[in-house]
Amino acid sequence: CSLCATWDLNSPTGPQASDRMAIGKNKRLPRKKGKGKKKIVDPFSRKDWFEIKAPAVFAVRDVGYTMATKTIGTKLVRDNVMGRVFEASQADLQPNSEDDSFRKFKLKVGEVDGRNLLTYFWGMTLTTDKLRSLVRKWTTLIEAQADVKLTDGVTVRLFCIGFTYPREGQNRKTSYAQKGQVRAIRKKMVEVMVAEVSGCDTAQLVEKLKPAAIGNLIEKKCKSVYPIHNVLIRKVKTIKAQKVDVGKLLEAHAGGAKKDVGKAVERPEEEKKKMDEEKKE
């Protein structure tokens, strides 16, 4: 008929169009079923736990625990933990130093000793809330920075911060320092930081950072220019580090405080007698 003559069989609307359509496009054609569900595996079953050890310069050596994926094929578990950086508060690393909990030390993994991660000093920062609490109105904030090379070949960058405060007997509300005074204070900050740190190694630098000795010295040196207070080393950043020497790292971890296992508790006499009787039986 004339209708069939005008119908193109290759047309997408032809009588065999449904046979040529892709599976899934036509709702009347069956869709292939997928594969079965994967087995649910506990991800922690593939992990190994490690204990983080701080250097002997800190009184408390046990920082915490971390995990890493077990050795699978050529991927070693040692490679997964090497180079990790951990942050620990000074209050956690030093006993009776809760007032200095705003100071955080960065420790980097240098060697894996069994289930222990031996770390070394990598940097120091102050908490954000501490820095915000130091800022006051009507004062001048002064910052300085200096790059210093330590005796063990490590180059660190120290950032210092300080604030002006009123002189004795001052009636004026504001305590702003002039530009020349700010430059003079900043110069003294850099001189003190270089003089105090250039002759130290990493362990001696940490000992000076813990009690804020450098900040106290800067306050005394700058008092003649303009009185400043709340002078702190707000950040220490490692710019250039030497290749990790395993021998020196082991020495840095030797002779430290042992793990606190508690103290023996004195028992009453009645409990002692019961214990003795149980042992005899």
Protein backbone atom coordinates (compact mmCIF):
# COMPACT_ATOMS: atom_id res chain seq x y z
CA CYS A 1 0.00 0.00 0.00
CA SER A 2 0.97 3.63 -0.27
CA LEU A 3 1.55 3.80 3.51
CA CYS A 4 4.12 0.96 3.46
CA ALA A 5 5.84 2.47 0.45
CA THR A 6 6.44 5.74 2.23
CA TRP A 7 7.72 4.03 5.45
CA ASP A 8 11.50 3.78 5.62
CA LEU A 9 12.62 0.56 7.33
CA ASN A 10 15.89 2.25 8.50
CA SER A 11 13.96 5.03 10.18
CA PRO A 12 14.08 5.04 14.03
CA THR A 13 10.28 5.04 13.95
CA GLY A 14 10.07 1.98 11.66
CA PRO A 15 8.37 -1.29 12.60
CA GLN A 16 11.68 -2.92 13.79
CA ALA A 17 12.98 0.06 15.78
CA SER A 18 12.38 -1.68 19.13
CA ASP A 19 14.68 -4.54 18.10
CA ARG A 20 17.56 -2.17 17.39
CA MET A 21 17.29 -0.10 20.65
CA ALA A 22 19.94 -0.53 23.39
CA ILE A 23 19.11 -2.74 26.34
CA GLY A 24 17.93 -0.61 29.19
CA LYS A 25 16.55 2.19 27.07
CA ASN A 26 13.30 0.34 26.39
CA LYS A 27 11.34 -0.45 29.53
CA ARG A 28 9.82 -3.54 27.95
CA LEU A 29 13.23 -5.20 27.39
CA PRO A 30 14.72 -7.05 30.40
CA ARG A 31 17.73 -5.45 32.14
CA LYS A 32 20.68 -7.69 32.99
CA LYS A 33 21.21 -8.32 36.67
CA GLY A 34 24.47 -7.11 38.24
CA LYS A 35 26.98 -9.11 40.24
CA GLY A 36 26.43 -10.06 43.87
CA LYS A 37 27.19 -7.69 46.73
CA LYS A 38 30.79 -7.35 47.94
CA LYS A 39 31.73 -8.80 51.27
CA ILE A 40 31.82 -6.24 54.07
CA VAL A 41 35.31 -6.23 55.62
CA ASP A 42 36.13 -4.40 58.81
CA PRO A 43 38.71 -1.74 57.79
CA PHE A 44 40.40 -1.91 61.19
CA SER A 45 41.32 -5.55 60.60
CA ARG A 46 43.88 -4.33 58.06
CA LYS A 47 45.50 -1.83 60.42
CA ASP A 48 48.51 -2.01 62.73
CA TRP A 49 48.80 0.14 65.85
CA PHE A 50 51.97 2.05 66.76
CA GLU A 51 52.98 3.97 69.88
CA ILE A 52 54.41 7.47 69.37
CA LYS A 53 57.57 8.19 71.37
CA ALA A 54 58.84 11.72 72.05
CA PRO A 55 62.58 12.49 72.35
CA ALA A 56 64.31 12.29 75.73
CA VAL A 57 64.34 16.09 75.99
CA PHE A 58 60.69 15.80 77.08
CA ALA A 59 59.89 14.29 80.46
CA VAL A 60 56.80 12.41 79.22
CA ARG A 61 57.78 10.14 76.36
CA ASP A 62 54.42 8.53 75.54
CA VAL A 63 52.59 10.88 73.16
CA GLY A 64 49.81 8.59 71.96
CA TYR A 65 48.92 5.95 69.38
CA THR A 66 48.40 5.93 65.63
CA MET A 67 47.45 3.32 63.05
CA ALA A 68 48.63 2.40 59.58
CA THR A 69 47.65 -0.08 56.88
CA LYS A 70 49.42 -3.41 57.16
CA THR A 71 52.04 -4.52 54.66
CA ILE A 72 50.29 -5.53 51.42
CA GLY A 73 52.51 -6.68 48.57
CA THR A 74 55.26 -4.11 47.98
CA LYS A 75 53.58 -1.44 50.13
CA LEU A 76 55.28 -1.68 53.51
CA VAL A 77 53.63 -0.49 56.71
CA ARG A 78 56.89 1.31 57.55
CA ASP A 79 56.51 3.55 54.50
CA ASN A 80 52.99 4.50 55.62
CA VAL A 81 54.12 5.91 58.98
CA MET A 82 57.50 7.42 58.06
CA GLY A 83 57.38 11.21 57.86
CA ARG A 84 54.13 11.65 59.78
CA VAL A 85 53.95 14.82 61.90
CA PHE A 86 52.16 14.85 65.26
CA GLU A 87 51.23 17.76 67.52
CA ALA A 88 51.42 17.54 71.30
CA SER A 89 50.78 20.17 73.95
CA GLN A 90 53.56 21.09 76.35
CA ALA A 91 51.25 20.17 79.23
CA ASP A 92 51.14 16.60 77.89
CA LEU A 93 54.91 16.41 77.39
CA GLN A 94 56.03 18.11 80.61
CA PRO A 95 54.61 17.45 84.11
CA ASN A 96 53.26 20.38 86.15
CA SER A 97 53.11 22.67 83.11
CA GLU A 98 49.37 23.18 82.71
CA ASP A 99 49.90 26.94 82.46
CA ASP A 100 51.95 26.39 79.28
CA SER A 101 49.38 24.21 77.54
CA PHE A 102 49.02 26.87 74.82
CA ARG A 103 52.43 25.84 73.41
CA LYS A 104 52.27 22.96 70.91
CA PHE A 105 55.29 21.01 69.70
CA LYS A 106 55.43 19.25 66.34
CA LEU A 107 57.13 15.86 66.28
CA LYS A 108 58.06 14.06 63.05
CA VAL A 109 58.59 10.32 62.72
CA GLY A 110 62.22 9.51 61.89
CA GLU A 111 62.46 5.77 62.52
CA VAL A 112 60.27 2.76 63.27
CA ASP A 113 61.45 0.55 66.13
CA GLY A 114 59.11 -2.43 66.29
CA ARG A 115 55.76 -0.97 67.38
CA ASN A 116 57.33 2.33 68.48
CA LEU A 117 57.63 5.45 66.32
CA LEU A 118 60.75 7.43 67.20
CA THR A 119 60.16 11.14 66.59
CA TYR A 120 62.27 14.29 66.56
CA PHE A 121 61.55 18.02 66.92
CA TRP A 122 59.98 19.52 63.81
CA GLY A 123 58.46 22.82 64.98
CA MET A 124 56.44 24.73 67.55
CA THR A 125 53.29 26.87 67.45
CA LEU A 126 50.95 28.64 69.85
CA THR A 127 47.26 27.91 70.02
CA THR A 128 44.90 30.31 68.28
CA ASP A 129 43.00 31.22 71.44
CA LYS A 130 46.25 32.24 73.17
CA LEU A 131 47.24 34.56 70.34
CA ARG A 132 43.78 36.12 70.24
CA SER A 133 43.79 36.69 74.00
CA LEU A 134 47.03 38.72 73.81
CA VAL A 135 45.66 41.40 71.47
CA ARG A 136 44.54 44.58 73.23
CA LYS A 137 43.27 47.99 72.17
CA TRP A 138 45.42 51.13 72.41
CA THR A 139 48.68 49.16 72.01
CA THR A 140 51.14 48.41 69.21
CA LEU A 141 51.74 44.85 68.05
CA ILE A 142 55.34 44.20 67.00
CA GLU A 143 56.49 41.09 65.13
CA ALA A 144 59.89 39.91 63.91
CA GLN A 145 61.36 36.81 62.34
CA ALA A 146 64.85 35.38 61.88
CA ASP A 147 66.41 32.39 60.13
CA VAL A 148 69.00 30.66 62.29
CA LYS A 149 71.22 27.66 61.57
CA LEU A 150 71.71 25.32 64.52
CA THR A 151 74.93 23.52 65.36
CA ASP A 152 73.55 20.19 64.12
CA GLY A 153 72.92 21.61 60.63
CA VAL A 154 69.16 22.27 60.94
CA THR A 155 67.91 25.67 59.79
CA VAL A 156 64.88 27.04 61.64
CA ARG A 157 62.80 30.19 61.27
CA LEU A 158 61.67 31.84 64.50
CA PHE A 159 58.69 34.19 64.70
CA CYS A 160 58.48 36.58 67.67
CA ILE A 161 55.54 38.68 68.85
CA GLY A 162 55.27 41.42 71.48
CA PHE A 163 52.97 44.24 72.63
CA THR A 164 53.60 47.68 74.04
CA TYR A 165 52.16 48.76 77.40
CA PRO A 166 52.02 52.07 79.34
CA ARG A 167 55.10 53.47 81.06
CA GLU A 168 55.15 54.05 84.80
CA GLY A 169 53.03 57.06 85.76
CA GLN A 170 51.57 57.43 82.25
CA ASN A 171 48.19 59.22 82.12
CA ARG A 172 47.67 58.88 78.38
CA LYS A 173 45.13 56.25 77.34
CA THR A 174 47.05 54.94 74.32
CA SER A 175 50.46 53.26 74.27
CA TYR A 176 51.41 53.48 70.62
CA ALA A 177 55.08 53.19 69.63
CA GLN A 178 56.48 55.36 66.85
CA LYS A 179 57.80 53.87 63.61
CA GLY A 180 61.39 54.41 64.62
CA GLN A 181 60.81 52.72 67.95
CA VAL A 182 59.11 49.78 66.25
CA ARG A 183 62.10 49.34 63.93
CA ALA A 184 64.52 49.51 66.87
CA ILE A 185 62.53 46.92 68.86
CA ARG A 186 62.29 44.64 65.84
CA LYS A 187 66.05 44.88 65.32
CA LYS A 188 66.70 43.94 68.95
CA MET A 189 64.29 41.00 68.65
CA VAL A 190 66.22 39.60 65.70
CA GLU A 191 69.58 40.13 67.42
CA VAL A 192 68.48 38.30 70.57
CA MET A 193 66.95 35.39 68.66
CA VAL A 194 70.09 34.90 66.54
CA ALA A 195 72.43 35.21 69.53
CA GLU A 196 70.46 32.79 71.71
CA VAL A 197 69.75 30.10 69.13
CA SER A 198 72.78 30.07 66.79
CA GLY A 199 74.97 28.26 69.35
CA CYS A 200 72.37 25.59 70.21
CA ASP A 201 71.46 22.22 68.83
CA THR A 202 67.87 21.00 68.51
CA ALA A 203 67.65 19.65 72.06
CA GLN A 204 69.00 22.90 73.57
CA LEU A 205 66.56 24.92 71.44
CA VAL A 206 63.63 22.94 72.87
CA GLU A 207 64.91 23.57 76.40
CA LYS A 208 64.89 27.32 75.72
CA LEU A 209 61.44 27.28 74.14
CA LYS A 210 59.72 25.50 77.04
CA PRO A 211 60.19 28.22 79.72
CA ALA A 212 59.91 31.17 77.26
CA ALA A 213 63.45 32.28 78.19
CA ILE A 214 64.04 34.05 74.86
CA GLY A 215 60.91 36.20 75.26
CA ASN A 216 61.91 37.30 78.76
CA LEU A 217 65.35 38.34 77.52
CA ILE A 218 63.83 40.37 74.67
CA GLU A 219 61.63 42.25 77.17
CA LYS A 220 64.70 43.32 79.15
CA LYS A 221 66.66 44.38 76.05
CA CYS A 222 63.80 46.44 74.59
CA LYS A 223 62.79 48.18 77.83
CA SER A 224 65.07 51.12 77.08
CA VAL A 225 63.37 51.75 73.71
CA TYR A 226 59.73 51.24 74.74
CA PRO A 227 58.26 48.95 77.41
CA ILE A 228 56.83 45.75 75.92
CA HIS A 229 55.32 42.64 77.47
CA ASN A 230 53.76 39.32 76.46
CA VAL A 231 56.81 38.68 74.27
CA LEU A 232 56.64 35.11 72.99
CA ILE A 233 58.17 32.96 70.29
CA ARG A 234 54.87 32.29 68.59
CA LYS A 235 56.19 29.87 65.96
CA VAL A 236 59.26 27.82 65.06
CA LYS A 237 59.43 26.36 61.57
CA THR A 238 62.01 23.96 60.19
CA ILE A 239 63.29 25.40 56.92
CA LYS A 240 66.06 22.96 56.11
CA ALA A 241 66.57 19.61 57.85
CA GLN A 242 69.46 17.20 57.65
CA LYS A 243 69.01 13.59 56.58
CA VAL A 244 67.87 11.55 59.57
CA ASP A 245 70.82 9.85 61.27
CA VAL A 246 69.43 6.72 62.94
CA GLY A 247 72.33 6.56 65.41
CA LYS A 248 71.81 10.12 66.62
CA LEU A 249 68.04 9.60 66.74
CA LEU A 250 68.48 6.56 68.99
CA GLU A 251 70.78 8.61 71.22
CA ALA A 252 68.11 11.32 71.45
CA HIS A 253 65.63 8.70 72.64
CA ALA A 254 68.01 7.02 75.09
CA GLY A 255 68.05 7.83 78.79
CA GLY A 256 64.56 9.30 78.84
CA ALA A 257 61.90 8.82 81.45
CA LYS A 258 60.42 5.36 81.59
CA LYS A 259 56.75 4.63 81.17
CA ASP A 260 54.69 5.43 84.25
CA VAL A 261 53.30 2.13 85.53
CA GLY A 262 51.95 3.52 88.80
CA LYS A 263 52.90 2.97 92.42
CA ALA A 264 52.21 0.13 94.80
CA VAL A 265 49.22 0.86 97.05
CA GLU A 266 49.52 0.01 100.73
CA ARG A 267 46.86 -2.49 101.79
CA PRO A 268 45.23 -2.70 105.23
CA GLU A 269 46.42 -5.45 107.55
CA GLU A 270 43.19 -7.46 107.13
CA GLU A 271 43.61 -7.61 103.37
CA LYS A 272 47.26 -8.61 103.78
CA LYS A 273 46.26 -11.52 106.02
CA LYS A 274 43.67 -12.70 103.49
CA MET A 275 46.24 -12.52 100.71
CA ASP A 276 48.73 -14.53 102.75
CA GLU A 277 46.10 -17.18 103.55
CA GLU A 278 45.13 -17.53 99.89
CA LYS A 279 48.78 -17.98 98.92
CA LYS A 280 49.22 -20.74 101.56
CA GLU A 281 46.15 -22.57 100.29
